[in-house]
PDB file of N, CA and C in Angstrom:
ATOM      1  N   MET A   1     117.847  89.393  78.059  1.00  0.00           N
ATOM      2  CA  MET A   1     116.897  88.782  78.976  1.00  0.00           C
ATOM      3  C   MET A   1     115.565  88.540  78.282  1.00  0.00           C
ATOM      4  N   GLN A   2     114.942  87.472  78.675  1.00  0.00           N
ATOM      5  CA  GLN A   2     113.635  87.135  78.118  1.00  0.00           C
ATOM      6  C   GLN A   2     112.563  88.043  78.702  1.00  0.00           C
ATOM      7  N   ARG A   3     111.601  88.384  77.888  1.00  0.00           N
ATOM      8  CA  ARG A   3     110.489  89.232  78.280  1.00  0.00           C
ATOM      9  C   ARG A   3     109.221  88.390  78.364  1.00  0.00           C
ATOM     10  N   GLN A   4     108.544  88.447  79.488  1.00  0.00           N
ATOM     11  CA  GLN A   4     107.241  87.793  79.624  1.00  0.00           C
ATOM     12  C   GLN A   4     106.186  88.881  79.534  1.00  0.00           C
ATOM     13  N   ARG A   5     105.295  88.762  78.563  1.00  0.00           N
ATOM     14  CA  ARG A   5     104.227  89.736  78.386  1.00  0.00           C
ATOM     15  C   ARG A   5     102.945  89.205  79.008  1.00  0.00           C
ATOM     16  N   ILE A   6     102.286  90.046  79.779  1.00  0.00           N
ATOM     17  CA  ILE A   6     101.037  89.679  80.430  1.00  0.00           C
ATOM     18  C   ILE A   6      99.934  90.545  79.845  1.00  0.00           C
ATOM     19  N   SER A   7      98.827  89.925  79.459  1.00  0.00           N
ATOM     20  CA  SER A   7      97.678  90.637  78.911  1.00  0.00           C
ATOM     21  C   SER A   7      96.521  90.553  79.888  1.00  0.00           C
ATOM     22  N   SER A   8      95.736  91.613  79.951  1.00  0.00           N
ATOM     23  CA  SER A   8      94.516  91.575  80.766  1.00  0.00           C
ATOM     24  C   SER A   8      93.287  91.438  79.884  1.00  0.00           C
ATOM     25  N   GLY A   9      93.506  91.456  78.565  1.00  0.00           N
ATOM     26  CA  GLY A   9      92.384  91.364  77.644  1.00  0.00           C
ATOM     27  C   GLY A   9      91.754  92.703  77.308  1.00  0.00           C
ATOM     28  N   SER A  10      92.335  93.786  77.787  1.00  0.00           N
ATOM     29  CA  SER A  10      91.817  95.115  77.470  1.00  0.00           C
ATOM     30  C   SER A  10      91.850  95.334  75.963  1.00  0.00           C
ATOM     31  N   PRO A  11      90.779  95.907  75.396  1.00  0.00           N
ATOM     32  CA  PRO A  11      90.790  96.170  73.957  1.00  0.00           C
ATOM     33  C   PRO A  11      91.869  97.188  73.566  1.00  0.00           C
ATOM     34  N   PHE A  12      92.319  97.993  74.515  1.00  0.00           N
ATOM     35  CA  PHE A  12      93.352  98.988  74.233  1.00  0.00           C
ATOM     36  C   PHE A  12      94.715  98.346  73.994  1.00  0.00           C
ATOM     37  N   GLU A  13      94.935  97.142  74.537  1.00  0.00           N
ATOM     38  CA  GLU A  13      96.241  96.492  74.390  1.00  0.00           C
ATOM     39  C   GLU A  13      96.572  96.254  72.916  1.00  0.00           C
ATOM     40  N   ALA A  14      95.635  95.698  72.175  1.00  0.00           N
ATOM     41  CA  ALA A  14      95.871  95.438  70.747  1.00  0.00           C
ATOM     42  C   ALA A  14      95.838  96.730  69.939  1.00  0.00           C
ATOM     43  N   ALA A  15      94.891  97.601  70.251  1.00  0.00           N
ATOM     44  CA  ALA A  15      94.726  98.836  69.477  1.00  0.00           C
ATOM     45  C   ALA A  15      95.924  99.767  69.620  1.00  0.00           C
ATOM     46  N   ILE A  16      96.458  99.868  70.834  1.00  0.00           N
ATOM     47  CA  ILE A  16      97.575 100.783  71.093  1.00  0.00           C
ATOM     48  C   ILE A  16      98.913 100.067  70.952  1.00  0.00           C
ATOM     49  N   GLY A  17      98.928  98.769  71.220  1.00  0.00           N
ATOM     50  CA  GLY A  17     100.158  97.989  71.114  1.00  0.00           C
ATOM     51  C   GLY A  17     100.960  98.003  72.391  1.00  0.00           C
ATOM     52  N   PHE A  18     100.365  97.520  73.479  1.00  0.00           N
ATOM     53  CA  PHE A  18     101.080  97.427  74.744  1.00  0.00           C
ATOM     54  C   PHE A  18     100.636  96.192  75.503  1.00  0.00           C
ATOM     55  N   SER A  19     101.364  95.870  76.548  1.00  0.00           N
ATOM     56  CA  SER A  19     101.028  94.758  77.443  1.00  0.00           C
ATOM     57  C   SER A  19     100.570  95.327  78.782  1.00  0.00           C
ATOM     58  N   ARG A  20      99.668  94.625  79.441  1.00  0.00           N
ATOM     59  CA  ARG A  20      99.251  95.040  80.785  1.00  0.00           C
ATOM     60  C   ARG A  20     100.468  95.108  81.695  1.00  0.00           C
ATOM     61  N   ALA A  21     101.331  94.097  81.560  1.00  0.00           N
ATOM     62  CA  ALA A  21     102.549  94.070  82.366  1.00  0.00           C
ATOM     63  C   ALA A  21     103.643  93.371  81.584  1.00  0.00           C
ATOM     64  N   ILE A  22     104.867  93.672  81.967  1.00  0.00           N
ATOM     65  CA  ILE A  22     106.052  93.038  81.387  1.00  0.00           C
ATOM     66  C   ILE A  22     106.926  92.576  82.543  1.00  0.00           C
ATOM     67  N   ARG A  23     107.391  91.328  82.449  1.00  0.00           N
ATOM     68  CA  ARG A  23     108.371  90.833  83.411  1.00  0.00           C
ATOM     69  C   ARG A  23     109.690  90.633  82.677  1.00  0.00           C
ATOM     70  N   VAL A  24     110.721  91.257  83.196  1.00  0.00           N
ATOM     71  CA  VAL A  24     112.075  91.083  82.692  1.00  0.00           C
ATOM     72  C   VAL A  24     112.939  90.777  83.908  1.00  0.00           C
ATOM     73  N   GLY A  25     113.472  89.568  83.955  1.00  0.00           N
ATOM     74  CA  GLY A  25     114.247  89.163  85.130  1.00  0.00           C
ATOM     75  C   GLY A  25     113.359  89.156  86.363  1.00  0.00           C
ATOM     76  N   ASP A  26     113.800  89.838  87.401  1.00  0.00           N
ATOM     77  CA  ASP A  26     113.031  89.865  88.643  1.00  0.00           C
ATOM     78  C   ASP A  26     112.175  91.126  88.768  1.00  0.00           C
ATOM     79  N   ARG A  27     112.019  91.853  87.679  1.00  0.00           N
ATOM     80  CA  ARG A  27     111.277  93.116  87.704  1.00  0.00           C
ATOM     81  C   ARG A  27     109.993  92.988  86.894  1.00  0.00           C
ATOM     82  N   VAL A  28     108.894  93.495  87.464  1.00  0.00           N
ATOM     83  CA  VAL A  28     107.607  93.482  86.783  1.00  0.00           C
ATOM     84  C   VAL A  28     107.079  94.916  86.743  1.00  0.00           C
ATOM     85  N   LEU A  29     106.778  95.374  85.537  1.00  0.00           N
ATOM     86  CA  LEU A  29     106.243  96.713  85.332  1.00  0.00           C
ATOM     87  C   LEU A  29     104.807  96.587  84.843  1.00  0.00           C
ATOM     88  N   VAL A  30     103.877  97.203  85.565  1.00  0.00           N
ATOM     89  CA  VAL A  30     102.466  97.144  85.188  1.00  0.00           C
ATOM     90  C   VAL A  30     102.068  98.493  84.591  1.00  0.00           C
ATOM     91  N   SER A  31     101.528  98.447  83.386  1.00  0.00           N
ATOM     92  CA  SER A  31     101.101  99.650  82.666  1.00  0.00           C
ATOM     93  C   SER A  31     100.016 100.401  83.414  1.00  0.00           C
ATOM     94  N   GLY A  32      99.787 101.628  82.969  1.00  0.00           N
ATOM     95  CA  GLY A  32      98.666 102.389  83.499  1.00  0.00           C
ATOM     96  C   GLY A  32      97.405 101.556  83.379  1.00  0.00           C
ATOM     97  N   THR A  33      96.725 101.388  84.503  1.00  0.00           N
ATOM     98  CA  THR A  33      95.585 100.483  84.580  1.00  0.00           C
ATOM     99  C   THR A  33      94.328 101.284  84.901  1.00  0.00           C
ATOM    100  N   ALA A  34      93.350 101.166  84.043  1.00  0.00           N
ATOM    101  CA  ALA A  34      92.097 101.906  84.178  1.00  0.00           C
ATOM    102  C   ALA A  34      91.043 101.059  84.890  1.00  0.00           C
ATOM    103  N   PRO A  35      90.043 101.715  85.455  1.00  0.00           N
ATOM    104  CA  PRO A  35      89.015 101.033  86.258  1.00  0.00           C
ATOM    105  C   PRO A  35      87.859 100.468  85.444  1.00  0.00           C
ATOM    106  N   ILE A  36      88.180  99.623  84.484  1.00  0.00           N
ATOM    107  CA  ILE A  36      87.144  99.084  83.601  1.00  0.00           C
ATOM    108  C   ILE A  36      86.777  97.664  84.052  1.00  0.00           C
ATOM    109  N   TRP A  37      85.503  97.380  84.101  1.00  0.00           N
ATOM    110  CA  TRP A  37      85.027  96.032  84.364  1.00  0.00           C
ATOM    111  C   TRP A  37      84.988  95.273  83.044  1.00  0.00           C
ATOM    112  N   SER A  38      84.908  93.964  83.101  1.00  0.00           N
ATOM    113  CA  SER A  38      84.946  93.139  81.890  1.00  0.00           C
ATOM    114  C   SER A  38      83.798  93.441  80.932  1.00  0.00           C
ATOM    115  N   ASP A  39      82.697  93.974  81.444  1.00  0.00           N
ATOM    116  CA  ASP A  39      81.574  94.325  80.563  1.00  0.00           C
ATOM    117  C   ASP A  39      81.701  95.746  79.996  1.00  0.00           C
ATOM    118  N   GLY A  40      82.814  96.418  80.290  1.00  0.00           N
ATOM    119  CA  GLY A  40      83.051  97.766  79.783  1.00  0.00           C
ATOM    120  C   GLY A  40      82.534  98.877  80.681  1.00  0.00           C
ATOM    121  N   SER A  41      81.865  98.492  81.769  1.00  0.00           N
ATOM    122  CA  SER A  41      81.321  99.513  82.668  1.00  0.00           C
ATOM    123  C   SER A  41      82.419 100.099  83.554  1.00  0.00           C
ATOM    124  N   CYS A  42      82.079 101.195  84.220  1.00  0.00           N
ATOM    125  CA  CYS A  42      83.021 101.899  85.084  1.00  0.00           C
ATOM    126  C   CYS A  42      82.238 102.519  86.236  1.00  0.00           C
ATOM    127  N   ASP A  43      82.518 102.096  87.453  1.00  0.00           N
ATOM    128  CA  ASP A  43      81.865 102.652  88.640  1.00  0.00           C
ATOM    129  C   ASP A  43      82.242 104.131  88.749  1.00  0.00           C
ATOM    130  N   PRO A  44      81.304 105.016  89.032  1.00  0.00           N
ATOM    131  CA  PRO A  44      81.641 106.441  89.120  1.00  0.00           C
ATOM    132  C   PRO A  44      82.409 106.832  90.393  1.00  0.00           C
ATOM    133  N   ASP A  45      82.421 105.974  91.404  1.00  0.00           N
ATOM    134  CA  ASP A  45      83.076 106.283  92.678  1.00  0.00           C
ATOM    135  C   ASP A  45      84.600 106.138  92.561  1.00  0.00           C
ATOM    136  N   PRO A  46      85.377 107.171  92.892  1.00  0.00           N
ATOM    137  CA  PRO A  46      86.833 107.090  92.725  1.00  0.00           C
ATOM    138  C   PRO A  46      87.498 106.009  93.583  1.00  0.00           C
ATOM    139  N   GLU A  47      86.972 105.744  94.766  1.00  0.00           N
ATOM    140  CA  GLU A  47      87.549 104.684  95.600  1.00  0.00           C
ATOM    141  C   GLU A  47      87.296 103.313  94.968  1.00  0.00           C
ATOM    142  N   ALA A  48      86.088 103.101  94.463  1.00  0.00           N
ATOM    143  CA  ALA A  48      85.769 101.842  93.772  1.00  0.00           C
ATOM    144  C   ALA A  48      86.622 101.716  92.512  1.00  0.00           C
ATOM    145  N   GLN A  49      86.840 102.818  91.808  1.00  0.00           N
ATOM    146  CA  GLN A  49      87.695 102.780  90.629  1.00  0.00           C
ATOM    147  C   GLN A  49      89.109 102.363  91.002  1.00  0.00           C
ATOM    148  N   ALA A  50      89.652 102.931  92.060  1.00  0.00           N
ATOM    149  CA  ALA A  50      91.008 102.564  92.484  1.00  0.00           C
ATOM    150  C   ALA A  50      91.072 101.088  92.878  1.00  0.00           C
ATOM    151  N   ARG A  51      90.062 100.608  93.615  1.00  0.00           N
ATOM    152  CA  ARG A  51      90.047  99.191  93.998  1.00  0.00           C
ATOM    153  C   ARG A  51      90.038  98.310  92.750  1.00  0.00           C
ATOM    154  N   ARG A  52      89.267  98.702  91.726  1.00  0.00           N
ATOM    155  CA  ARG A  52      89.221  97.919  90.484  1.00  0.00           C
ATOM    156  C   ARG A  52      90.585  97.917  89.804  1.00  0.00           C
ATOM    157  N   CYS A  53      91.250  99.074  89.770  1.00  0.00           N
ATOM    158  CA  CYS A  53      92.602  99.129  89.203  1.00  0.00           C
ATOM    159  C   CYS A  53      93.523  98.161  89.935  1.00  0.00           C
ATOM    160  N   PHE A  54      93.454  98.161  91.269  1.00  0.00           N
ATOM    161  CA  PHE A  54      94.326  97.277  92.045  1.00  0.00           C
ATOM    162  C   PHE A  54      93.994  95.803  91.825  1.00  0.00           C
ATOM    163  N   GLU A  55      92.719  95.474  91.585  1.00  0.00           N
ATOM    164  CA  GLU A  55      92.356  94.087  91.257  1.00  0.00           C
ATOM    165  C   GLU A  55      93.028  93.654  89.956  1.00  0.00           C
ATOM    166  N   ILE A  56      92.954  94.508  88.946  1.00  0.00           N
ATOM    167  CA  ILE A  56      93.559  94.192  87.649  1.00  0.00           C
ATOM    168  C   ILE A  56      95.077  94.085  87.793  1.00  0.00           C
ATOM    169  N   ILE A  57      95.670  95.011  88.521  1.00  0.00           N
ATOM    170  CA  ILE A  57      97.117  94.982  88.767  1.00  0.00           C
ATOM    171  C   ILE A  57      97.500  93.704  89.506  1.00  0.00           C
ATOM    172  N   GLY A  58      96.742  93.337  90.528  1.00  0.00           N
ATOM    173  CA  GLY A  58      97.024  92.119  91.297  1.00  0.00           C
ATOM    174  C   GLY A  58      96.994  90.876  90.431  1.00  0.00           C
ATOM    175  N   ALA A  59      96.025  90.803  89.528  1.00  0.00           N
ATOM    176  CA  ALA A  59      95.930  89.642  88.626  1.00  0.00           C
ATOM    177  C   ALA A  59      97.141  89.585  87.701  1.00  0.00           C
ATOM    178  N   ALA A  60      97.577  90.729  87.196  1.00  0.00           N
ATOM    179  CA  ALA A  60      98.763  90.762  86.321  1.00  0.00           C
ATOM    180  C   ALA A  60     100.009  90.344  87.093  1.00  0.00           C
ATOM    181  N   LEU A  61     100.129  90.822  88.327  1.00  0.00           N
ATOM    182  CA  LEU A  61     101.291  90.454  89.150  1.00  0.00           C
ATOM    183  C   LEU A  61     101.303  88.952  89.425  1.00  0.00           C
ATOM    184  N   ASP A  62     100.139  88.392  89.742  1.00  0.00           N
ATOM    185  CA  ASP A  62     100.043  86.945  89.974  1.00  0.00           C
ATOM    186  C   ASP A  62     100.519  86.178  88.752  1.00  0.00           C
ATOM    187  N   GLU A  63     100.065  86.591  87.576  1.00  0.00           N
ATOM    188  CA  GLU A  63     100.460  85.910  86.341  1.00  0.00           C
ATOM    189  C   GLU A  63     101.959  86.029  86.082  1.00  0.00           C
ATOM    190  N   ALA A  64     102.556  87.126  86.549  1.00  0.00           N
ATOM    191  CA  ALA A  64     103.992  87.347  86.352  1.00  0.00           C
ATOM    192  C   ALA A  64     104.834  86.659  87.423  1.00  0.00           C
ATOM    193  N   GLY A  65     104.192  86.000  88.385  1.00  0.00           N
ATOM    194  CA  GLY A  65     104.935  85.260  89.410  1.00  0.00           C
ATOM    195  C   GLY A  65     105.284  86.072  90.641  1.00  0.00           C
ATOM    196  N   THR A  66     104.553  87.135  90.884  1.00  0.00           N
ATOM    197  CA  THR A  66     104.782  87.940  92.081  1.00  0.00           C
ATOM    198  C   THR A  66     103.431  88.328  92.674  1.00  0.00           C
ATOM    199  N   SER A  67     103.406  89.326  93.551  1.00  0.00           N
ATOM    200  CA  SER A  67     102.162  89.660  94.234  1.00  0.00           C
ATOM    201  C   SER A  67     102.156  91.123  94.668  1.00  0.00           C
ATOM    202  N   ILE A  68     101.019  91.541  95.134  1.00  0.00           N
ATOM    203  CA  ILE A  68     100.864  92.900  95.677  1.00  0.00           C
ATOM    204  C   ILE A  68     101.901  93.156  96.768  1.00  0.00           C
ATOM    205  N   GLU A  69     102.212  92.145  97.557  1.00  0.00           N
ATOM    206  CA  GLU A  69     103.171  92.299  98.664  1.00  0.00           C
ATOM    207  C   GLU A  69     104.578  92.635  98.186  1.00  0.00           C
ATOM    208  N   GLN A  70     104.859  92.410  96.909  1.00  0.00           N
ATOM    209  CA  GLN A  70     106.193  92.676  96.357  1.00  0.00           C
ATOM    210  C   GLN A  70     106.238  93.975  95.533  1.00  0.00           C
ATOM    211  N   VAL A  71     105.188  94.770  95.591  1.00  0.00           N
ATOM    212  CA  VAL A  71     105.166  96.045  94.869  1.00  0.00           C
ATOM    213  C   VAL A  71     106.125  97.016  95.547  1.00  0.00           C
ATOM    214  N   VAL A  72     106.949  97.672  94.736  1.00  0.00           N
ATOM    215  CA  VAL A  72     107.927  98.633  95.261  1.00  0.00           C
ATOM    216  C   VAL A  72     107.594 100.074  94.859  1.00  0.00           C
ATOM    217  N   ARG A  73     106.709 100.268  93.887  1.00  0.00           N
ATOM    218  CA  ARG A  73     106.328 101.627  93.473  1.00  0.00           C
ATOM    219  C   ARG A  73     104.947 101.619  92.857  1.00  0.00           C
ATOM    220  N   THR A  74     104.175 102.657  93.188  1.00  0.00           N
ATOM    221  CA  THR A  74     102.896 102.891  92.524  1.00  0.00           C
ATOM    222  C   THR A  74     102.859 104.339  92.039  1.00  0.00           C
ATOM    223  N   ARG A  75     102.098 104.531  90.976  1.00  0.00           N
ATOM    224  CA  ARG A  75     101.844 105.882  90.465  1.00  0.00           C
ATOM    225  C   ARG A  75     100.345 105.982  90.217  1.00  0.00           C
ATOM    226  N   MET A  76      99.740 106.985  90.827  1.00  0.00           N
ATOM    227  CA  MET A  76      98.301 107.191  90.701  1.00  0.00           C
ATOM    228  C   MET A  76      98.053 108.513  89.996  1.00  0.00           C
ATOM    229  N   PHE A  77      97.302 108.451  88.914  1.00  0.00           N
ATOM    230  CA  PHE A  77      96.971 109.631  88.130  1.00  0.00           C
ATOM    231  C   PHE A  77      95.497 109.945  88.372  1.00  0.00           C
ATOM    232  N   LEU A  78      95.211 111.122  88.910  1.00  0.00           N
ATOM    233  CA  LEU A  78      93.851 111.528  89.248  1.00  0.00           C
ATOM    234  C   LEU A  78      93.409 112.659  88.320  1.00  0.00           C
ATOM    235  N   THR A  79      92.130 112.701  88.013  1.00  0.00           N
ATOM    236  CA  THR A  79      91.620 113.795  87.184  1.00  0.00           C
ATOM    237  C   THR A  79      91.248 115.014  88.017  1.00  0.00           C
ATOM    238  N   ASP A  80      91.195 114.868  89.351  1.00  0.00           N
ATOM    239  CA  ASP A  80      90.857 115.984  90.227  1.00  0.00           C
ATOM    240  C   ASP A  80      91.426 115.682  91.614  1.00  0.00           C
ATOM    241  N   ALA A  81      92.026 116.672  92.229  1.00  0.00           N
ATOM    242  CA  ALA A  81      92.611 116.491  93.565  1.00  0.00           C
ATOM    243  C   ALA A  81      91.561 116.111  94.602  1.00  0.00           C
ATOM    244  N   VAL A  82      90.307 116.413  94.350  1.00  0.00           N
ATOM    245  CA  VAL A  82      89.240 116.063  95.282  1.00  0.00           C
ATOM    246  C   VAL A  82      89.141 114.539  95.468  1.00  0.00           C
ATOM    247  N   HIS A  83      89.663 113.758  94.525  1.00  0.00           N
ATOM    248  CA  HIS A  83      89.601 112.298  94.611  1.00  0.00           C
ATOM    249  C   HIS A  83      90.766 111.694  95.407  1.00  0.00           C
ATOM    250  N   ALA A  84      91.713 112.514  95.831  1.00  0.00           N
ATOM    251  CA  ALA A  84      92.929 112.014  96.491  1.00  0.00           C
ATOM    252  C   ALA A  84      92.625 111.210  97.754  1.00  0.00           C
ATOM    253  N   GLU A  85      91.718 111.674  98.576  1.00  0.00           N
ATOM    254  CA  GLU A  85      91.415 110.969  99.819  1.00  0.00           C
ATOM    255  C   GLU A  85      90.827 109.584  99.535  1.00  0.00           C
ATOM    256  N   ALA A  86      89.877 109.506  98.615  1.00  0.00           N
ATOM    257  CA  ALA A  86      89.235 108.225  98.287  1.00  0.00           C
ATOM    258  C   ALA A  86      90.233 107.249  97.673  1.00  0.00           C
ATOM    259  N   VAL A  87      91.036 107.728  96.736  1.00  0.00           N
ATOM    260  CA  VAL A  87      92.034 106.865  96.102  1.00  0.00           C
ATOM    261  C   VAL A  87      93.100 106.471  97.125  1.00  0.00           C
ATOM    262  N   GLY A  88      93.485 107.407  97.978  1.00  0.00           N
ATOM    263  CA  GLY A  88      94.446 107.105  99.046  1.00  0.00           C
ATOM    264  C   GLY A  88      93.937 106.037  99.999  1.00  0.00           C
ATOM    265  N   ARG A  89      92.641 106.068 100.305  1.00  0.00           N
ATOM    266  CA  ARG A  89      92.052 105.027 101.171  1.00  0.00           C
ATOM    267  C   ARG A  89      92.183 103.658 100.531  1.00  0.00           C
ATOM    268  N   ALA A  90      91.868 103.587  99.236  1.00  0.00           N
ATOM    269  CA  ALA A  90      91.978 102.302  98.529  1.00  0.00           C
ATOM    270  C   ALA A  90      93.430 101.836  98.502  1.00  0.00           C
ATOM    271  N   HIS A  91      94.349 102.761  98.248  1.00  0.00           N
ATOM    272  CA  HIS A  91      95.780 102.425  98.228  1.00  0.00           C
ATOM    273  C   HIS A  91      96.220 101.925  99.599  1.00  0.00           C
ATOM    274  N   GLY A  92      95.816 102.627 100.644  1.00  0.00           N
ATOM    275  CA  GLY A  92      96.179 102.230 102.005  1.00  0.00           C
ATOM    276  C   GLY A  92      95.631 100.867 102.397  1.00  0.00           C
ATOM    277  N   ALA A  93      94.428 100.554 101.937  1.00  0.00           N
ATOM    278  CA  ALA A  93      93.835  99.251 102.248  1.00  0.00           C
ATOM    279  C   ALA A  93      94.633  98.117 101.628  1.00  0.00           C
ATOM    280  N   ILE A  94      95.211  98.355 100.459  1.00  0.00           N
ATOM    281  CA  ILE A  94      95.993  97.330  99.765  1.00  0.00           C
ATOM    282  C   ILE A  94      97.451  97.329 100.233  1.00  0.00           C
ATOM    283  N   PHE A  95      98.018  98.515 100.377  1.00  0.00           N
ATOM    284  CA  PHE A  95      99.466  98.649 100.591  1.00  0.00           C
ATOM    285  C   PHE A  95      99.857  99.162 101.971  1.00  0.00           C
ATOM    286  N   GLY A  96      98.931  99.183 102.928  1.00  0.00           N
ATOM    287  CA  GLY A  96      99.230  99.703 104.258  1.00  0.00           C
ATOM    288  C   GLY A  96     100.434  99.065 104.917  1.00  0.00           C
ATOM    289  N   ALA A  97     100.601  97.767 104.743  1.00  0.00           N
ATOM    290  CA  ALA A  97     101.747  97.069 105.331  1.00  0.00           C
ATOM    291  C   ALA A  97     102.953  97.062 104.395  1.00  0.00           C
ATOM    292  N   VAL A  98     102.712  97.166 103.108  1.00  0.00           N
ATOM    293  CA  VAL A  98     103.783  97.085 102.106  1.00  0.00           C
ATOM    294  C   VAL A  98     104.542  98.409 102.016  1.00  0.00           C
ATOM    295  N   LYS A  99     103.786  99.500 102.007  1.00  0.00           N
ATOM    296  CA  LYS A  99     104.328 100.850 101.929  1.00  0.00           C
ATOM    297  C   LYS A  99     105.338 101.057 100.789  1.00  0.00           C
ATOM    298  N   PRO A 100     104.899 100.866  99.540  1.00  0.00           N
ATOM    299  CA  PRO A 100     105.800 101.104  98.407  1.00  0.00           C
ATOM    300  C   PRO A 100     106.051 102.602  98.239  1.00  0.00           C
ATOM    301  N   ALA A 101     107.065 102.941  97.488  1.00  0.00           N
ATOM    302  CA  ALA A 101     107.214 104.330  97.055  1.00  0.00           C
ATOM    303  C   ALA A 101     105.968 104.635  96.227  1.00  0.00           C
ATOM    304  N   ALA A 102     105.381 105.803  96.424  1.00  0.00           N
ATOM    305  CA  ALA A 102     104.124 106.100  95.745  1.00  0.00           C
ATOM    306  C   ALA A 102     104.088 107.552  95.293  1.00  0.00           C
ATOM    307  N   THR A 103     103.473 107.756  94.147  1.00  0.00           N
ATOM    308  CA  THR A 103     103.281 109.088  93.603  1.00  0.00           C
ATOM    309  C   THR A 103     101.816 109.232  93.243  1.00  0.00           C
ATOM    310  N   MET A 104     101.247 110.405  93.580  1.00  0.00           N
ATOM    311  CA  MET A 104      99.874 110.712  93.211  1.00  0.00           C
ATOM    312  C   MET A 104      99.908 112.089  92.557  1.00  0.00           C
ATOM    313  N   VAL A 105      99.467 112.160  91.310  1.00  0.00           N
ATOM    314  CA  VAL A 105      99.475 113.434  90.586  1.00  0.00           C
ATOM    315  C   VAL A 105      98.104 113.683  89.959  1.00  0.00           C
ATOM    316  N   VAL A 106      97.814 114.948  89.753  1.00  0.00           N
ATOM    317  CA  VAL A 106      96.582 115.332  89.075  1.00  0.00           C
ATOM    318  C   VAL A 106      96.936 115.647  87.623  1.00  0.00           C
ATOM    319  N   VAL A 107      96.166 115.071  86.720  1.00  0.00           N
ATOM    320  CA  VAL A 107      96.377 115.269  85.279  1.00  0.00           C
ATOM    321  C   VAL A 107      95.153 115.964  84.684  1.00  0.00           C
ATOM    322  N   ALA A 108      95.315 116.521  83.506  1.00  0.00           N
ATOM    323  CA  ALA A 108      94.220 117.241  82.856  1.00  0.00           C
ATOM    324  C   ALA A 108      93.057 116.316  82.513  1.00  0.00           C
ATOM    325  N   ALA A 109      93.357 115.093  82.086  1.00  0.00           N
ATOM    326  CA  ALA A 109      92.310 114.150  81.703  1.00  0.00           C
ATOM    327  C   ALA A 109      92.926 112.779  81.507  1.00  0.00           C
ATOM    328  N   LEU A 110      92.064 111.765  81.492  1.00  0.00           N
ATOM    329  CA  LEU A 110      92.466 110.404  81.140  1.00  0.00           C
ATOM    330  C   LEU A 110      91.743 110.032  79.853  1.00  0.00           C
ATOM    331  N   LEU A 111      92.090 108.896  79.285  1.00  0.00           N
ATOM    332  CA  LEU A 111      91.589 108.501  77.967  1.00  0.00           C
ATOM    333  C   LEU A 111      90.059 108.460  77.894  1.00  0.00           C
ATOM    334  N   ASP A 112      89.418 107.975  78.938  1.00  0.00           N
ATOM    335  CA  ASP A 112      87.957 107.866  78.981  1.00  0.00           C
ATOM    336  C   ASP A 112      87.455 108.868  80.028  1.00  0.00           C
ATOM    337  N   PRO A 113      86.505 109.715  79.703  1.00  0.00           N
ATOM    338  CA  PRO A 113      86.046 110.721  80.664  1.00  0.00           C
ATOM    339  C   PRO A 113      85.386 110.152  81.926  1.00  0.00           C
ATOM    340  N   ARG A 114      85.018 108.866  81.909  1.00  0.00           N
ATOM    341  CA  ARG A 114      84.442 108.247  83.117  1.00  0.00           C
ATOM    342  C   ARG A 114      85.508 107.939  84.155  1.00  0.00           C
ATOM    343  N   TRP A 115      86.759 107.794  83.723  1.00  0.00           N
ATOM    344  CA  TRP A 115      87.835 107.411  84.626  1.00  0.00           C
ATOM    345  C   TRP A 115      88.270 108.601  85.470  1.00  0.00           C
ATOM    346  N   LYS A 116      88.334 108.372  86.765  1.00  0.00           N
ATOM    347  CA  LYS A 116      88.827 109.396  87.692  1.00  0.00           C
ATOM    348  C   LYS A 116      90.232 109.078  88.154  1.00  0.00           C
ATOM    349  N   VAL A 117      90.661 107.847  87.906  1.00  0.00           N
ATOM    350  CA  VAL A 117      91.991 107.406  88.326  1.00  0.00           C
ATOM    351  C   VAL A 117      92.524 106.355  87.353  1.00  0.00           C
ATOM    352  N   GLU A 118      93.830 106.369  87.174  1.00  0.00           N
ATOM    353  CA  GLU A 118      94.554 105.330  86.439  1.00  0.00           C
ATOM    354  C   GLU A 118      95.809 105.063  87.260  1.00  0.00           C
ATOM    355  N   ILE A 119      96.207 103.798  87.378  1.00  0.00           N
ATOM    356  CA  ILE A 119      97.289 103.441  88.294  1.00  0.00           C
ATOM    357  C   ILE A 119      98.317 102.540  87.619  1.00  0.00           C
ATOM    358  N   GLU A 120      99.599 102.821  87.881  1.00  0.00           N
ATOM    359  CA  GLU A 120     100.725 101.985  87.449  1.00  0.00           C
ATOM    360  C   GLU A 120     101.359 101.360  88.686  1.00  0.00           C
ATOM    361  N   ALA A 121     102.055 100.256  88.503  1.00  0.00           N
ATOM    362  CA  ALA A 121     102.778  99.630  89.608  1.00  0.00           C
ATOM    363  C   ALA A 121     104.049  98.960  89.102  1.00  0.00           C
ATOM    364  N   GLU A 122     105.002  98.856  89.985  1.00  0.00           N
ATOM    365  CA  GLU A 122     106.240  98.113  89.727  1.00  0.00           C
ATOM    366  C   GLU A 122     106.457  97.171  90.901  1.00  0.00           C
ATOM    367  N   ALA A 123     106.881  95.959  90.588  1.00  0.00           N
ATOM    368  CA  ALA A 123     107.115  94.954  91.623  1.00  0.00           C
ATOM    369  C   ALA A 123     108.373  94.165  91.299  1.00  0.00           C
ATOM    370  N   VAL A 124     108.816  93.416  92.278  1.00  0.00           N
ATOM    371  CA  VAL A 124     109.932  92.499  92.084  1.00  0.00           C
ATOM    372  C   VAL A 124     109.429  91.085  92.295  1.00  0.00           C
ATOM    373  N   VAL A 125     110.168  90.142  91.739  1.00  0.00           N
ATOM    374  CA  VAL A 125     109.876  88.726  91.940  1.00  0.00           C
ATOM    375  C   VAL A 125     110.920  88.212  92.921  1.00  0.00           C
ATOM    376  N   VAL A 126     110.461  87.703  94.039  1.00  0.00           N
ATOM    377  CA  VAL A 126     111.348  87.200  95.072  1.00  0.00           C
ATOM    378  C   VAL A 126     111.466  85.689  94.911  1.00  0.00           C
ATOM    379  N   ALA A 127     112.697  85.205  94.848  1.00  0.00           N
ATOM    380  CA  ALA A 127     112.924  83.755  94.709  1.00  0.00           C
ATOM    381  C   ALA A 127     112.360  83.031  95.927  1.00  0.00           C
ATOM    382  N   SER A 128     111.686  81.934  95.667  1.00  0.00           N
ATOM    383  CA  SER A 128     111.098  81.178  96.783  1.00  0.00           C
ATOM    384  C   SER A 128     111.984  80.089  97.298  1.00  0.00           C
TER     385      SER A 128
END
């Protein structure tokens, strides 16, 4: 099967050697997505960080020919359980009607100490 690679322009993509998302057939896998703005800044609020992650994920899904509405799984990595409510609110605002399978875990740290959340997603492409 052919692989479609989607880039978000993150400097980590070239340095680490990964794609923001990969589409293979009707499946789209979105890599762990950090809350970075194009100027390199990062809002300290965990809910704003989650919303930024979902914006980046949404753009990758659009480029891959699908959408947030077709997401079937999310994984949210938090640096502290205290952020669960804020990140959950952002997730609910985006996926309240979609209700994908979702996992939220607390990890020791993320790559950048400013990040409180990093999010992955999986979606399908529905034939139109």
